[in-house]
C-alpha atoms as a PDB file:
ATOM      1  CA  MET A   1       0.000   0.000   0.000  1.00  0.00           C
ATOM      2  CA  LYS A   2       1.329   3.443  -0.916  1.00  0.00           C
ATOM      3  CA  LYS A   3       2.202   5.619   2.088  1.00  0.00           C
ATOM      4  CA  MET A   4       0.332   8.923   2.217  1.00  0.00           C
ATOM      5  CA  SER A   5       2.170  11.765   3.968  1.00  0.00           C
ATOM      6  CA  TRP A   6      -1.002  13.372   5.340  1.00  0.00           C
ATOM      7  CA  ILE A   7      -2.006  10.169   7.196  1.00  0.00           C
ATOM      8  CA  LYS A   8      -0.378  10.185  10.616  1.00  0.00           C
ATOM      9  CA  GLU A   9       1.316   7.089  11.999  1.00  0.00           C
ATOM     10  CA  GLN A  10      -0.329   7.378  15.412  1.00  0.00           C
ATOM     11  CA  PRO A  11      -4.128   7.201  15.675  1.00  0.00           C
ATOM     12  CA  TYR A  12      -6.001  10.492  15.517  1.00  0.00           C
ATOM     13  CA  GLU A  13      -7.203  11.629  18.945  1.00  0.00           C
ATOM     14  CA  TYR A  14     -10.890  12.427  18.516  1.00  0.00           C
ATOM     15  CA  ASN A  15     -12.500  14.922  20.874  1.00  0.00           C
ATOM     16  CA  TRP A  16     -15.790  13.883  22.523  1.00  0.00           C
ATOM     17  CA  TRP A  17     -17.938  15.416  19.770  1.00  0.00           C
ATOM     18  CA  GLU A  18     -15.970  13.811  16.948  1.00  0.00           C
ATOM     19  CA  SER A  19     -15.990  10.488  18.791  1.00  0.00           C
ATOM     20  CA  LEU A  20     -19.783  10.655  19.101  1.00  0.00           C
ATOM     21  CA  CYS A  21     -20.124  11.463  15.391  1.00  0.00           C
ATOM     22  CA  VAL A  22     -17.862   8.549  14.405  1.00  0.00           C
ATOM     23  CA  LYS A  23     -19.873   6.162  16.581  1.00  0.00           C
ATOM     24  CA  LEU A  24     -23.112   7.378  15.007  1.00  0.00           C
ATOM     25  CA  LEU A  25     -21.701   7.036  11.486  1.00  0.00           C
ATOM     26  CA  ARG A  26     -20.546   3.494  12.179  1.00  0.00           C
ATOM     27  CA  CYS A  27     -24.140   2.519  13.096  1.00  0.00           C
ATOM     28  CA  GLY A  28     -25.051   2.700   9.415  1.00  0.00           C
ATOM     29  CA  SER A  29     -23.347   1.688   6.222  1.00  0.00           C
ATOM     30  CA  ILE A  30     -20.179   3.589   5.364  1.00  0.00           C
ATOM     31  CA  PRO A  31     -19.776   4.642   1.728  1.00  0.00           C
ATOM     32  CA  LYS A  32     -16.691   3.520  -0.162  1.00  0.00           C
ATOM     33  CA  HIS A  33     -16.445   6.836  -2.048  1.00  0.00           C
ATOM     34  CA  VAL A  34     -17.094  10.431  -0.986  1.00  0.00           C
ATOM     35  CA  ALA A  35     -16.411  13.770  -2.677  1.00  0.00           C
ATOM     36  CA  PHE A  36     -15.596  17.158  -1.201  1.00  0.00           C
ATOM     37  CA  ILE A  37     -15.758  20.597  -2.794  1.00  0.00           C
ATOM     38  CA  MET A  38     -13.126  22.913  -1.376  1.00  0.00           C
ATOM     39  CA  ASP A  39     -14.881  26.264  -1.437  1.00  0.00           C
ATOM     40  CA  GLY A  40     -14.730  29.233   0.893  1.00  0.00           C
ATOM     41  CA  ASN A  41     -11.066  29.456   1.885  1.00  0.00           C
ATOM     42  CA  ARG A  42     -10.757  33.005   0.550  1.00  0.00           C
ATOM     43  CA  ARG A  43     -14.003  34.101   2.226  1.00  0.00           C
ATOM     44  CA  TYR A  44     -12.790  32.504   5.456  1.00  0.00           C
ATOM     45  CA  ALA A  45      -9.465  34.376   5.225  1.00  0.00           C
ATOM     46  CA  LYS A  46     -11.222  37.658   4.415  1.00  0.00           C
ATOM     47  CA  ARG A  47     -13.592  37.244   7.362  1.00  0.00           C
ATOM     48  CA  LEU A  48     -10.609  36.684   9.699  1.00  0.00           C
ATOM     49  CA  GLY A  49      -8.618  39.502   8.102  1.00  0.00           C
ATOM     50  CA  VAL A  50      -5.709  37.274   7.075  1.00  0.00           C
ATOM     51  CA  ASP A  51      -3.940  36.653   3.766  1.00  0.00           C
ATOM     52  CA  LYS A  52      -5.566  34.355   1.194  1.00  0.00           C
ATOM     53  CA  ILE A  53      -2.641  31.954   1.485  1.00  0.00           C
ATOM     54  CA  LYS A  54      -3.375  31.542   5.213  1.00  0.00           C
ATOM     55  CA  GLY A  55      -6.987  30.650   4.392  1.00  0.00           C
ATOM     56  CA  HIS A  56      -5.848  28.112   1.807  1.00  0.00           C
ATOM     57  CA  SER A  57      -3.281  26.684   4.208  1.00  0.00           C
ATOM     58  CA  GLN A  58      -5.894  26.211   6.924  1.00  0.00           C
ATOM     59  CA  GLY A  59      -8.237  24.695   4.328  1.00  0.00           C
ATOM     60  CA  PHE A  60      -5.543  22.164   3.425  1.00  0.00           C
ATOM     61  CA  ASP A  61      -5.033  21.341   7.106  1.00  0.00           C
ATOM     62  CA  LYS A  62      -8.761  20.673   7.454  1.00  0.00           C
ATOM     63  CA  LEU A  63      -8.701  18.542   4.297  1.00  0.00           C
ATOM     64  CA  ALA A  64      -5.822  16.481   5.749  1.00  0.00           C
ATOM     65  CA  GLN A  65      -7.855  15.982   8.933  1.00  0.00           C
ATOM     66  CA  THR A  66     -10.913  15.008   6.890  1.00  0.00           C
ATOM     67  CA  LEU A  67      -8.861  12.488   4.907  1.00  0.00           C
ATOM     68  CA  GLN A  68      -7.694  10.995   8.206  1.00  0.00           C
ATOM     69  CA  TRP A  69     -11.339  10.603   9.288  1.00  0.00           C
ATOM     70  CA  CYS A  70     -12.160   8.951   5.951  1.00  0.00           C
ATOM     71  CA  HIS A  71      -9.236   6.578   6.400  1.00  0.00           C
ATOM     72  CA  ASP A  72     -10.312   5.711   9.953  1.00  0.00           C
ATOM     73  CA  LEU A  73     -13.903   5.083   8.799  1.00  0.00           C
ATOM     74  CA  GLY A  74     -12.780   2.787   5.973  1.00  0.00           C
ATOM     75  CA  ILE A  75     -13.701   5.082   3.094  1.00  0.00           C
ATOM     76  CA  THR A  76     -11.370   3.915   0.342  1.00  0.00           C
ATOM     77  CA  GLU A  77     -11.949   6.551  -2.365  1.00  0.00           C
ATOM     78  CA  VAL A  78     -12.105  10.322  -2.014  1.00  0.00           C
ATOM     79  CA  THR A  79     -12.557  12.908  -4.745  1.00  0.00           C
ATOM     80  CA  VAL A  80     -11.572  16.490  -3.952  1.00  0.00           C
ATOM     81  CA  TYR A  81     -12.633  19.411  -6.145  1.00  0.00           C
ATOM     82  CA  ALA A  82     -10.622  22.596  -5.608  1.00  0.00           C
ATOM     83  CA  PHE A  83     -10.787  26.012  -7.222  1.00  0.00           C
ATOM     84  CA  ARG A  84      -8.263  28.801  -7.390  1.00  0.00           C
END
């Protein structure tokens, strides 16, 4: 299996809310493929009064976290749509 740099070696430490959500999701069937549309990083940066690059960087960090959740849930395919 190819190693993915955004997947951490140690298990992700879920907070209580995330843990509850994961438990609820596991009660039903988990899809094998999900898609995400990366939209709003510039608006997020503007709202916080930071540079666009900071908004995009934080968006990437959240995407990496989301990919970790997908991995932990057993979702094997992810499509990501991003805009510049």
